[in-house]
Amino acid sequence: MDRLEAMSLFVAAVEVGSLSAAARHFGIPLATVSRKVSDLERHLNTRLLNRSTRRLTPTDAGEAYLAACRRILDDVGEAERAAAGEYSAPTGELAITAPVVFGRLHVLPVVTGFLSAYPDVDIRLTLADRITQLAEDHFDLALRIGQLPDSSLVAIGVGSIRRVVCASPAYLAEHGTPTIPEDLGTHSCITFEGLSSSAPWSFARGKTDITVQVRARLQVNTAEAAIDAAIAGVGLTKVLSYQVHAAVRSGMLRVVLEEFEPEPWPVSLVRAGHGLLPVKLRAFLDFAAPRLKERLARLG
């Protein structure tokens, strides 16, 4: 039995939730995955998985073995990368994730510049508006917007992003410009899942946090749609400053209630905090961090 292969299949099955999904991930027959995991359980003389029709979950013994497998596989991968020269020269693949709009507007241009400067490094860039788990989702680096929870991850700050309320000049001319957050109660607002949901909008008055319930004339599911509706004059919306930077500069939108904006959200490059740092990742951090800081500084 190839124990490293069996460990890899066991870890994948737990992470994706089923043996069939693990088989699809590795491109091998389901019967092969099932047999190899069963062989591993017989070798250990214990049951590792609770098999149900809904989702695969590890047993108590499986949980402990899962953590050990991850450490072992990480160590093997690190040893292979060291032998392949990834700790002596920038080479190999980097997996990076970032939010969709910020990633397209600001991370992608940095990535393309890095690829030109480092021809021996390839990059897999995944843009997604969800919090990814670096180890479980196999990412080397993530760009995160917002406060970071305490963890073993290492964060490099590259700037901050304001949370702004804006509307079209035509809407403000017709309905008036709100001067305090409480004025929003008499205005039409555009909300979307996430930052400006139909939940109360948050502001700051000095050092005091305040919330205001808004009337959602229009609810959409993306920031882009909310911004388009605001440009069309439907009402006010609350978004991140980089999302409306171009529209504000062109005069299509105006930012209001600036003195009541809550604390800006930090923007960070986040990586795992254990093990040696591959040269390819150090090279990307040294290349990307100052360029992202410059871009964010221009956003104001």
Protein backbone atom coordinates (compact mmCIF):
# COMPACT_ATOMS: atom_id res chain seq x y z
CA MET A 1 0.00 0.00 0.00
CA ASP A 2 1.27 3.47 -0.92
CA ARG A 3 0.60 5.15 2.43
CA LEU A 4 1.29 8.69 1.22
CA GLU A 5 -1.21 8.25 -1.61
CA ALA A 6 -3.75 6.76 0.81
CA MET A 7 -3.21 9.68 3.20
CA SER A 8 -3.73 12.16 0.35
CA LEU A 9 -6.98 10.47 -0.66
CA PHE A 10 -8.19 10.35 2.94
CA VAL A 11 -7.46 14.06 3.50
CA ALA A 12 -9.11 15.02 0.20
CA ALA A 13 -12.21 12.94 0.97
CA VAL A 14 -12.68 14.75 4.28
CA GLU A 15 -12.06 18.20 2.79
CA VAL A 16 -14.47 17.79 -0.14
CA GLY A 17 -17.02 15.80 1.85
CA SER A 18 -17.27 12.54 -0.11
CA LEU A 19 -15.26 9.76 -1.68
CA SER A 20 -16.82 10.44 -5.08
CA ALA A 21 -15.77 14.11 -4.98
CA ALA A 22 -12.25 13.05 -4.00
CA ALA A 23 -12.22 10.63 -6.95
CA ARG A 24 -13.24 13.44 -9.31
CA HIS A 25 -10.58 15.72 -7.83
CA PHE A 26 -7.80 13.19 -8.52
CA GLY A 27 -9.33 11.88 -11.75
CA ILE A 28 -9.40 8.26 -10.61
CA PRO A 29 -12.26 5.74 -10.23
CA LEU A 30 -14.44 5.91 -7.12
CA ALA A 31 -13.76 2.23 -6.47
CA THR A 32 -10.02 2.95 -6.30
CA VAL A 33 -10.48 5.72 -3.74
CA SER A 34 -12.83 3.59 -1.64
CA ARG A 35 -10.44 0.63 -1.70
CA LYS A 36 -7.38 2.67 -0.76
CA VAL A 37 -9.14 4.36 2.16
CA SER A 38 -10.47 0.99 3.34
CA ASP A 39 -6.94 -0.47 3.08
CA LEU A 40 -5.70 2.40 5.23
CA GLU A 41 -8.35 1.70 7.87
CA ARG A 42 -7.43 -2.01 7.89
CA HIS A 43 -3.74 -1.13 8.21
CA LEU A 44 -4.51 1.09 11.22
CA ASN A 45 -7.10 -1.34 12.57
CA THR A 46 -9.55 1.50 13.18
CA ARG A 47 -12.40 3.26 11.42
CA LEU A 48 -11.41 6.72 10.16
CA LEU A 49 -14.64 7.86 8.49
CA ASN A 50 -18.32 8.01 9.30
CA ARG A 51 -19.96 7.19 5.98
CA SER A 52 -23.47 8.59 5.48
CA THR A 53 -25.62 9.52 2.51
CA ARG A 54 -25.25 13.23 3.27
CA ARG A 55 -21.58 13.89 4.05
CA LEU A 56 -18.40 12.10 4.98
CA THR A 57 -17.09 13.02 8.44
CA PRO A 58 -14.03 11.76 10.36
CA THR A 59 -14.40 9.68 13.51
CA ASP A 60 -12.59 10.78 16.68
CA ALA A 61 -9.64 8.65 15.63
CA GLY A 62 -9.98 10.01 12.12
CA GLU A 63 -9.78 13.63 13.35
CA ALA A 64 -6.45 12.98 15.08
CA TYR A 65 -5.12 11.04 12.10
CA LEU A 66 -6.31 13.78 9.72
CA ALA A 67 -4.24 16.41 11.54
CA ALA A 68 -1.20 14.12 11.46
CA CYS A 69 -1.68 13.40 7.75
CA ARG A 70 -1.83 17.09 6.93
CA ARG A 71 1.43 17.71 8.81
CA ILE A 72 3.14 14.78 7.09
CA LEU A 73 1.94 15.75 3.62
CA ASP A 74 2.95 19.38 4.21
CA ASP A 75 6.43 18.24 5.29
CA VAL A 76 6.77 15.98 2.25
CA GLY A 77 5.65 18.78 -0.06
CA GLU A 78 8.11 21.19 1.55
CA ALA A 79 10.94 18.67 1.18
CA GLU A 80 10.08 18.20 -2.49
CA ARG A 81 9.99 21.95 -3.09
CA ALA A 82 13.38 22.32 -1.40
CA ALA A 83 14.84 19.54 -3.54
CA ALA A 84 13.36 21.14 -6.67
CA GLY A 85 15.08 24.43 -5.86
CA GLU A 86 12.06 26.50 -4.80
CA TYR A 87 13.98 27.71 -1.73
CA SER A 88 17.03 28.81 -3.73
CA ALA A 89 15.49 30.55 -6.77
CA PRO A 90 12.01 31.82 -7.71
CA THR A 91 10.44 28.92 -9.58
CA GLY A 92 7.25 26.84 -9.59
CA GLU A 93 3.58 27.78 -9.17
CA LEU A 94 2.01 30.27 -6.79
CA ALA A 95 -1.69 30.01 -5.88
CA ILE A 96 -3.23 33.35 -4.93
CA THR A 97 -6.79 34.37 -4.11
CA ALA A 98 -8.42 37.81 -3.87
CA PRO A 99 -11.91 39.41 -3.90
CA VAL A 100 -13.43 39.60 -7.39
CA VAL A 101 -13.52 43.33 -8.15
CA PHE A 102 -10.41 44.33 -6.20
CA GLY A 103 -8.59 41.36 -7.68
CA ARG A 104 -9.51 42.30 -11.25
CA LEU A 105 -8.73 46.01 -10.84
CA HIS A 106 -5.62 45.89 -8.67
CA VAL A 107 -4.21 42.41 -8.06
CA LEU A 108 -4.28 41.23 -11.67
CA PRO A 109 -2.15 44.13 -12.98
CA VAL A 110 0.43 43.39 -10.26
CA VAL A 111 0.38 39.69 -11.14
CA THR A 112 0.96 40.37 -14.83
CA GLY A 113 3.89 42.59 -13.99
CA PHE A 114 5.36 39.91 -11.74
CA LEU A 115 5.03 37.27 -14.45
CA SER A 116 7.02 39.46 -16.81
CA ALA A 117 9.75 39.94 -14.20
CA TYR A 118 9.89 36.26 -13.11
CA PRO A 119 9.52 33.96 -16.14
CA ASP A 120 10.14 30.78 -14.09
CA VAL A 121 7.14 31.34 -11.80
CA ASP A 122 3.56 30.50 -12.80
CA ILE A 123 0.53 31.89 -10.96
CA ARG A 124 -2.96 30.49 -10.38
CA LEU A 125 -5.15 33.49 -9.46
CA THR A 126 -8.61 32.74 -8.07
CA LEU A 127 -11.03 35.64 -7.63
CA ALA A 128 -13.86 34.93 -5.19
CA ASP A 129 -15.92 36.99 -2.74
CA ARG A 130 -15.62 34.46 0.08
CA ILE A 131 -13.08 33.75 2.79
CA THR A 132 -10.89 30.91 1.60
CA GLN A 133 -8.90 28.65 3.90
CA LEU A 134 -5.29 28.76 2.75
CA ALA A 135 -4.30 25.22 3.73
CA GLU A 136 -7.57 23.48 2.93
CA ASP A 137 -8.03 25.30 -0.40
CA HIS A 138 -4.34 25.00 -1.32
CA PHE A 139 -3.48 28.70 -1.60
CA ASP A 140 -0.07 30.21 -0.90
CA LEU A 141 -1.36 33.73 -0.42
CA ALA A 142 -4.63 35.62 0.01
CA LEU A 143 -5.53 39.28 -0.22
CA ARG A 144 -8.04 40.07 2.52
CA ILE A 145 -10.14 43.20 3.05
CA GLY A 146 -11.33 43.74 6.62
CA GLN A 147 -10.27 42.98 10.16
CA LEU A 148 -8.40 39.68 10.48
CA PRO A 149 -9.18 37.17 13.22
CA ASP A 150 -6.36 36.04 15.48
CA SER A 151 -4.70 33.05 13.88
CA SER A 152 -1.37 31.52 12.99
CA LEU A 153 -1.44 33.35 9.65
CA VAL A 154 1.06 36.11 8.89
CA ALA A 155 -0.40 39.36 7.52
CA ILE A 156 1.34 42.17 5.65
CA GLY A 157 -0.63 45.40 5.60
CA VAL A 158 -0.77 47.17 2.23
CA GLY A 159 -3.31 49.91 2.96
CA SER A 160 -6.95 50.47 3.82
CA ILE A 161 -10.32 50.83 2.12
CA ARG A 162 -13.07 53.31 3.03
CA ARG A 163 -16.74 52.39 3.28
CA VAL A 164 -18.61 55.14 1.47
CA VAL A 165 -22.18 56.23 0.76
CA CYS A 166 -22.76 57.70 -2.68
CA ALA A 167 -25.45 58.72 -5.16
CA SER A 168 -25.70 60.36 -8.56
CA PRO A 169 -25.64 64.17 -8.76
CA ALA A 170 -29.09 64.03 -10.38
CA TYR A 171 -30.58 62.10 -7.44
CA LEU A 172 -29.04 64.50 -4.91
CA ALA A 173 -30.27 67.52 -6.86
CA GLU A 174 -33.83 66.16 -6.83
CA HIS A 175 -33.99 64.71 -3.31
CA GLY A 176 -31.40 66.69 -1.40
CA THR A 177 -28.03 65.70 0.06
CA PRO A 178 -28.07 63.94 3.44
CA THR A 179 -25.91 65.79 5.97
CA ILE A 180 -26.19 63.37 8.90
CA PRO A 181 -26.73 59.58 8.85
CA GLU A 182 -30.24 59.94 10.28
CA ASP A 183 -31.27 61.78 7.08
CA LEU A 184 -31.08 58.45 5.23
CA GLY A 185 -34.44 57.50 6.74
CA THR A 186 -36.15 59.80 4.23
CA HIS A 187 -34.11 58.66 1.22
CA SER A 188 -34.31 55.78 -1.25
CA CYS A 189 -31.43 53.35 -0.79
CA ILE A 190 -29.97 50.51 -2.83
CA THR A 191 -28.80 47.50 -0.85
CA PHE A 192 -26.96 44.34 -1.78
CA GLU A 193 -25.87 41.17 -0.03
CA GLY A 194 -22.82 41.98 2.04
CA LEU A 195 -21.68 45.49 2.88
CA SER A 196 -24.95 47.38 2.29
CA SER A 197 -27.50 44.71 3.09
CA SER A 198 -30.96 45.68 4.31
CA ALA A 199 -29.59 45.51 7.86
CA PRO A 200 -28.86 48.89 9.48
CA TRP A 201 -25.94 50.79 7.95
CA SER A 202 -23.11 51.60 10.34
CA PHE A 203 -21.43 55.00 10.78
CA ALA A 204 -19.22 56.78 13.29
CA ARG A 205 -19.93 60.00 15.15
CA GLY A 206 -16.62 60.87 16.73
CA LYS A 207 -15.58 57.74 18.63
CA THR A 208 -19.15 56.45 18.86
CA ASP A 209 -20.49 53.84 16.46
CA ILE A 210 -24.03 54.46 15.26
CA THR A 211 -26.42 52.51 13.03
CA VAL A 212 -29.24 53.74 10.82
CA GLN A 213 -32.05 51.66 9.37
CA VAL A 214 -32.48 52.45 5.69
CA ARG A 215 -35.33 51.97 3.24
CA ALA A 216 -34.27 49.62 0.45
CA ARG A 217 -36.06 50.77 -2.69
CA LEU A 218 -33.93 48.25 -4.60
CA GLN A 219 -32.16 45.13 -3.38
CA VAL A 220 -29.56 43.47 -5.61
CA ASN A 221 -27.00 40.75 -5.09
CA THR A 222 -23.78 42.42 -6.28
CA ALA A 223 -22.00 45.68 -5.61
CA GLU A 224 -21.66 46.29 -9.35
CA ALA A 225 -25.44 46.24 -9.80
CA ALA A 226 -25.92 48.56 -6.81
CA ILE A 227 -23.41 51.01 -8.29
CA ASP A 228 -25.08 50.92 -11.71
CA ALA A 229 -28.45 51.60 -10.08
CA ALA A 230 -26.99 54.52 -8.11
CA ILE A 231 -25.55 56.00 -11.33
CA ALA A 232 -29.02 55.65 -12.87
CA GLY A 233 -30.45 57.79 -10.05
CA VAL A 234 -32.38 55.15 -8.09
CA GLY A 235 -30.94 56.20 -4.73
CA LEU A 236 -27.97 56.01 -2.38
CA THR A 237 -25.82 52.96 -1.90
CA LYS A 238 -22.99 51.99 0.45
CA VAL A 239 -19.93 50.37 -1.10
CA LEU A 240 -16.17 50.14 -0.77
CA SER A 241 -14.27 53.17 -2.06
CA TYR A 242 -12.28 51.29 -4.71
CA GLN A 243 -15.51 50.01 -6.26
CA VAL A 244 -16.69 53.54 -7.13
CA HIS A 245 -13.33 55.27 -7.57
CA ALA A 246 -13.73 55.63 -11.35
CA ALA A 247 -17.39 56.72 -11.14
CA VAL A 248 -16.60 59.36 -8.51
CA ARG A 249 -13.63 60.70 -10.50
CA SER A 250 -15.76 60.95 -13.64
CA GLY A 251 -18.54 62.78 -11.79
CA MET A 252 -21.16 60.05 -12.24
CA LEU A 253 -21.36 59.57 -8.45
CA ARG A 254 -20.81 61.81 -5.44
CA VAL A 255 -19.74 60.62 -1.99
CA VAL A 256 -21.79 61.93 0.93
CA LEU A 257 -21.56 61.71 4.74
CA GLU A 258 -17.76 61.49 4.58
CA GLU A 259 -17.30 62.84 8.12
CA PHE A 260 -19.42 59.96 9.45
CA GLU A 261 -17.58 57.13 7.72
CA PRO A 262 -16.61 54.23 9.99
CA GLU A 263 -12.98 53.24 10.41
CA PRO A 264 -11.47 52.12 7.08
CA TRP A 265 -10.98 48.40 6.63
CA PRO A 266 -7.37 47.20 6.43
CA VAL A 267 -6.14 45.46 3.29
CA SER A 268 -3.65 42.67 3.92
CA LEU A 269 -1.63 40.01 2.15
CA VAL A 270 -2.00 36.87 4.25
CA ARG A 271 0.13 33.73 4.22
CA ALA A 272 0.62 30.66 6.39
CA GLY A 273 2.91 31.29 9.33
CA HIS A 274 4.73 27.97 9.53
CA GLY A 275 7.57 26.38 7.57
CA LEU A 276 10.19 27.88 5.32
CA LEU A 277 9.13 30.69 3.02
CA PRO A 278 9.66 29.65 -0.62
CA VAL A 279 11.72 32.11 -2.63
CA LYS A 280 8.89 32.43 -5.18
CA LEU A 281 6.53 33.64 -2.42
CA ARG A 282 9.10 36.00 -0.94
CA ALA A 283 9.77 37.38 -4.42
CA PHE A 284 6.04 37.97 -4.99
CA LEU A 285 5.57 39.65 -1.61
CA ASP A 286 8.56 41.94 -2.22
CA PHE A 287 7.19 42.77 -5.69
CA ALA A 288 3.48 43.09 -4.86
CA ALA A 289 3.37 44.80 -1.47
CA PRO A 290 4.83 48.19 -2.50
CA ARG A 291 2.82 48.24 -5.73
CA LEU A 292 -0.44 47.50 -3.93
CA LYS A 293 0.40 50.17 -1.31
CA GLU A 294 0.90 52.67 -4.12
CA ARG A 295 -2.39 51.72 -5.78
CA LEU A 296 -4.34 51.98 -2.53
CA ALA A 297 -2.75 55.33 -1.69
CA ARG A 298 -4.01 56.68 -5.02
CA LEU A 299 -7.55 55.58 -4.13
CA GLY A 300 -7.52 57.88 -1.11
